[in-house]
Amino acid sequence: MEEVRSKTFQRVVSDKAVGAKRPFQVIYTTSMIEENLNQPEYTIGEYYTKTNKTLKLSPEMQKAAIESSGINETDELL
């Protein structure tokens, strides 16, 4: 989903939730969180980035993964 649509969807869900008559929980995952919703009352867990990845590999494991993948070490890795 493109970023603008993703963030618009998040705002719509959040705005609708404000008027709820009963407690509830919405579980939504995204790599493009709407800035106003990136608050502790709406989120749990870590915020992942290119430098704080979900999969934490030791340098040795990173090297082994690169070697086994056939990727040139000079290629940019995401």
N, C-alpha and C. Protein backbone atom coordinates (compact mmCIF):
# COMPACT_ATOMS: atom_id res chain seq x y z
N MET A 1 0.85 -1.17 0.00
CA MET A 1 0.00 0.00 0.00
C MET A 1 0.90 1.23 0.00
N GLU A 2 0.51 2.24 -0.74
CA GLU A 2 1.33 3.45 -0.74
C GLU A 2 1.17 4.19 0.58
N GLU A 3 2.18 4.99 0.93
CA GLU A 3 2.25 5.61 2.25
C GLU A 3 1.05 6.50 2.56
N VAL A 4 0.64 7.32 1.64
CA VAL A 4 -0.49 8.24 1.89
C VAL A 4 -1.76 7.46 2.21
N ARG A 5 -2.02 6.42 1.43
CA ARG A 5 -3.23 5.61 1.67
C ARG A 5 -3.14 4.88 3.01
N SER A 6 -1.96 4.36 3.34
CA SER A 6 -1.79 3.65 4.61
C SER A 6 -2.05 4.58 5.79
N LYS A 7 -1.48 5.77 5.75
CA LYS A 7 -1.65 6.71 6.86
C LYS A 7 -3.08 7.23 6.93
N THR A 8 -3.73 7.41 5.78
CA THR A 8 -5.13 7.83 5.78
C THR A 8 -6.00 6.76 6.41
N PHE A 9 -5.74 5.51 6.06
CA PHE A 9 -6.49 4.40 6.65
C PHE A 9 -6.31 4.36 8.17
N GLN A 10 -5.09 4.54 8.63
CA GLN A 10 -4.83 4.54 10.06
C GLN A 10 -5.60 5.65 10.77
N ARG A 11 -5.64 6.85 10.16
CA ARG A 11 -6.38 7.97 10.75
C ARG A 11 -7.87 7.68 10.81
N VAL A 12 -8.42 7.09 9.75
CA VAL A 12 -9.85 6.76 9.71
C VAL A 12 -10.19 5.77 10.81
N VAL A 13 -9.38 4.72 10.95
CA VAL A 13 -9.62 3.72 11.99
C VAL A 13 -9.54 4.37 13.37
N SER A 14 -8.54 5.19 13.58
CA SER A 14 -8.36 5.87 14.86
C SER A 14 -9.52 6.81 15.16
N ASP A 15 -9.94 7.57 14.18
CA ASP A 15 -11.06 8.50 14.38
C ASP A 15 -12.35 7.77 14.72
N LYS A 16 -12.60 6.65 14.06
CA LYS A 16 -13.80 5.85 14.34
C LYS A 16 -13.73 5.25 15.74
N ALA A 17 -12.54 4.87 16.16
CA ALA A 17 -12.36 4.22 17.47
C ALA A 17 -12.65 5.16 18.62
N VAL A 18 -12.44 6.44 18.43
CA VAL A 18 -12.66 7.42 19.50
C VAL A 18 -14.10 7.37 20.01
N GLY A 19 -15.05 7.13 19.15
CA GLY A 19 -16.45 7.12 19.54
C GLY A 19 -16.98 5.77 19.99
N ALA A 20 -16.13 4.80 20.19
CA ALA A 20 -16.58 3.46 20.57
C ALA A 20 -17.26 3.46 21.93
N LYS A 21 -18.30 2.68 22.06
CA LYS A 21 -19.05 2.61 23.31
C LYS A 21 -18.52 1.54 24.25
N ARG A 22 -17.69 0.64 23.74
CA ARG A 22 -17.14 -0.44 24.55
C ARG A 22 -15.63 -0.53 24.32
N PRO A 23 -14.90 -1.05 25.29
CA PRO A 23 -13.46 -1.23 25.09
C PRO A 23 -13.19 -2.26 23.99
N PHE A 24 -12.16 -2.05 23.24
CA PHE A 24 -11.78 -2.98 22.19
C PHE A 24 -10.31 -2.79 21.86
N GLN A 25 -9.81 -3.66 21.02
CA GLN A 25 -8.42 -3.60 20.60
C GLN A 25 -8.35 -3.76 19.09
N VAL A 26 -7.52 -2.96 18.46
CA VAL A 26 -7.25 -3.09 17.03
C VAL A 26 -5.79 -3.47 16.90
N ILE A 27 -5.53 -4.53 16.16
CA ILE A 27 -4.15 -4.93 15.90
C ILE A 27 -3.87 -4.64 14.44
N TYR A 28 -2.90 -3.78 14.22
CA TYR A 28 -2.58 -3.32 12.87
C TYR A 28 -1.07 -3.20 12.79
N THR A 29 -0.48 -3.79 11.78
CA THR A 29 0.97 -3.67 11.61
C THR A 29 1.26 -2.86 10.37
N THR A 30 2.30 -2.05 10.45
CA THR A 30 2.67 -1.22 9.32
C THR A 30 4.12 -0.80 9.43
N SER A 31 4.72 -0.55 8.30
CA SER A 31 6.07 0.02 8.30
C SER A 31 6.01 1.53 8.08
N MET A 32 4.78 2.05 7.96
CA MET A 32 4.58 3.48 7.70
C MET A 32 3.55 4.04 8.66
N ILE A 33 3.91 4.12 9.93
CA ILE A 33 2.94 4.57 10.93
C ILE A 33 2.67 6.07 10.80
N GLU A 34 1.42 6.43 10.99
CA GLU A 34 1.01 7.85 10.97
C GLU A 34 1.64 8.51 12.20
N GLU A 35 2.30 9.61 11.99
CA GLU A 35 3.10 10.24 13.05
C GLU A 35 2.31 10.50 14.33
N ASN A 36 1.08 10.95 14.23
CA ASN A 36 0.27 11.24 15.43
C ASN A 36 -0.11 9.98 16.20
N LEU A 37 -0.02 8.83 15.56
CA LEU A 37 -0.35 7.57 16.23
C LEU A 37 0.88 6.86 16.78
N ASN A 38 2.06 7.39 16.50
CA ASN A 38 3.29 6.77 16.98
C ASN A 38 3.55 7.21 18.42
N GLN A 39 2.61 6.84 19.28
CA GLN A 39 2.61 7.21 20.70
C GLN A 39 2.42 5.95 21.54
N PRO A 40 2.98 5.92 22.75
CA PRO A 40 2.87 4.73 23.60
C PRO A 40 1.43 4.25 23.85
N GLU A 41 0.47 5.14 23.88
CA GLU A 41 -0.91 4.69 24.12
C GLU A 41 -1.51 3.94 22.92
N TYR A 42 -0.86 4.03 21.76
CA TYR A 42 -1.34 3.34 20.56
C TYR A 42 -0.43 2.22 20.10
N THR A 43 0.78 2.17 20.57
CA THR A 43 1.75 1.22 20.03
C THR A 43 2.35 0.34 21.13
N ILE A 44 2.89 -0.79 20.72
CA ILE A 44 3.63 -1.66 21.62
C ILE A 44 4.89 -2.12 20.89
N GLY A 45 5.88 -2.49 21.65
CA GLY A 45 7.09 -3.05 21.05
C GLY A 45 8.00 -1.99 20.46
N GLU A 46 9.02 -2.49 19.80
CA GLU A 46 10.02 -1.61 19.21
C GLU A 46 9.55 -1.01 17.90
N TYR A 47 10.17 0.10 17.54
CA TYR A 47 9.96 0.71 16.23
C TYR A 47 11.17 0.32 15.39
N TYR A 48 10.93 -0.39 14.31
CA TYR A 48 12.03 -0.91 13.51
C TYR A 48 12.37 0.01 12.35
N THR A 49 13.66 0.11 12.09
CA THR A 49 14.19 0.95 11.00
C THR A 49 15.27 0.15 10.28
N LYS A 50 15.90 0.77 9.30
CA LYS A 50 17.00 0.10 8.61
C LYS A 50 18.17 -0.17 9.54
N THR A 51 18.33 0.64 10.58
CA THR A 51 19.42 0.42 11.53
C THR A 51 18.97 -0.38 12.75
N ASN A 52 17.68 -0.48 13.01
CA ASN A 52 17.14 -1.30 14.10
C ASN A 52 16.20 -2.33 13.47
N LYS A 53 16.78 -3.37 12.95
CA LYS A 53 16.02 -4.37 12.20
C LYS A 53 15.34 -5.38 13.13
N THR A 54 14.31 -6.03 12.62
CA THR A 54 13.59 -7.02 13.40
C THR A 54 14.42 -8.27 13.66
N LEU A 55 15.26 -8.61 12.72
CA LEU A 55 16.11 -9.78 12.86
C LEU A 55 17.51 -9.32 13.23
N LYS A 56 17.94 -9.68 14.40
CA LYS A 56 19.25 -9.27 14.89
C LYS A 56 20.24 -10.42 14.68
N LEU A 57 21.20 -10.22 13.79
CA LEU A 57 22.21 -11.23 13.52
C LEU A 57 23.58 -10.75 13.99
N SER A 58 24.35 -11.68 14.53
CA SER A 58 25.72 -11.35 14.89
C SER A 58 26.50 -11.06 13.61
N PRO A 59 27.62 -10.35 13.70
CA PRO A 59 28.42 -10.09 12.49
C PRO A 59 28.79 -11.38 11.75
N GLU A 60 29.07 -12.45 12.50
CA GLU A 60 29.42 -13.72 11.85
C GLU A 60 28.24 -14.28 11.06
N MET A 61 27.05 -14.19 11.65
CA MET A 61 25.85 -14.69 10.96
C MET A 61 25.51 -13.83 9.75
N GLN A 62 25.71 -12.51 9.87
CA GLN A 62 25.48 -11.62 8.74
C GLN A 62 26.38 -12.01 7.58
N LYS A 63 27.67 -12.24 7.88
CA LYS A 63 28.63 -12.61 6.84
C LYS A 63 28.22 -13.94 6.19
N ALA A 64 27.85 -14.92 7.01
CA ALA A 64 27.44 -16.22 6.48
C ALA A 64 26.19 -16.08 5.60
N ALA A 65 25.24 -15.26 6.02
CA ALA A 65 24.02 -15.06 5.24
C ALA A 65 24.33 -14.41 3.90
N ILE A 66 25.22 -13.42 3.90
CA ILE A 66 25.59 -12.75 2.66
C ILE A 66 26.31 -13.72 1.73
N GLU A 67 27.24 -14.49 2.28
CA GLU A 67 28.00 -15.45 1.47
C GLU A 67 27.10 -16.51 0.86
N SER A 68 26.13 -17.00 1.63
CA SER A 68 25.26 -18.05 1.11
C SER A 68 24.20 -17.54 0.15
N SER A 69 23.94 -16.22 0.18
CA SER A 69 22.91 -15.67 -0.69
C SER A 69 23.40 -15.35 -2.09
N GLY A 70 24.72 -15.22 -2.23
CA GLY A 70 25.27 -14.85 -3.53
C GLY A 70 25.27 -13.35 -3.75
N ILE A 71 24.88 -12.58 -2.73
CA ILE A 71 24.88 -11.13 -2.84
C ILE A 71 26.30 -10.62 -2.71
N ASN A 72 26.67 -9.69 -3.56
CA ASN A 72 27.99 -9.07 -3.47
C ASN A 72 27.99 -8.17 -2.24
N GLU A 73 29.00 -8.25 -1.40
CA GLU A 73 29.05 -7.46 -0.16
C GLU A 73 28.99 -5.97 -0.43
N THR A 74 29.33 -5.54 -1.62
CA THR A 74 29.29 -4.10 -1.91
C THR A 74 27.88 -3.65 -2.31
N ASP A 75 26.99 -4.62 -2.57
CA ASP A 75 25.59 -4.27 -2.89
C ASP A 75 24.94 -3.68 -1.65
N GLU A 76 24.04 -2.75 -1.86
CA GLU A 76 23.32 -2.17 -0.71
C GLU A 76 22.28 -3.16 -0.23
N LEU A 77 22.33 -3.46 1.05
CA LEU A 77 21.34 -4.35 1.65
C LEU A 77 20.30 -3.54 2.37
N LEU A 78 19.06 -3.96 2.27
CA LEU A 78 17.99 -3.24 2.98
C LEU A 78 17.94 -3.63 4.42
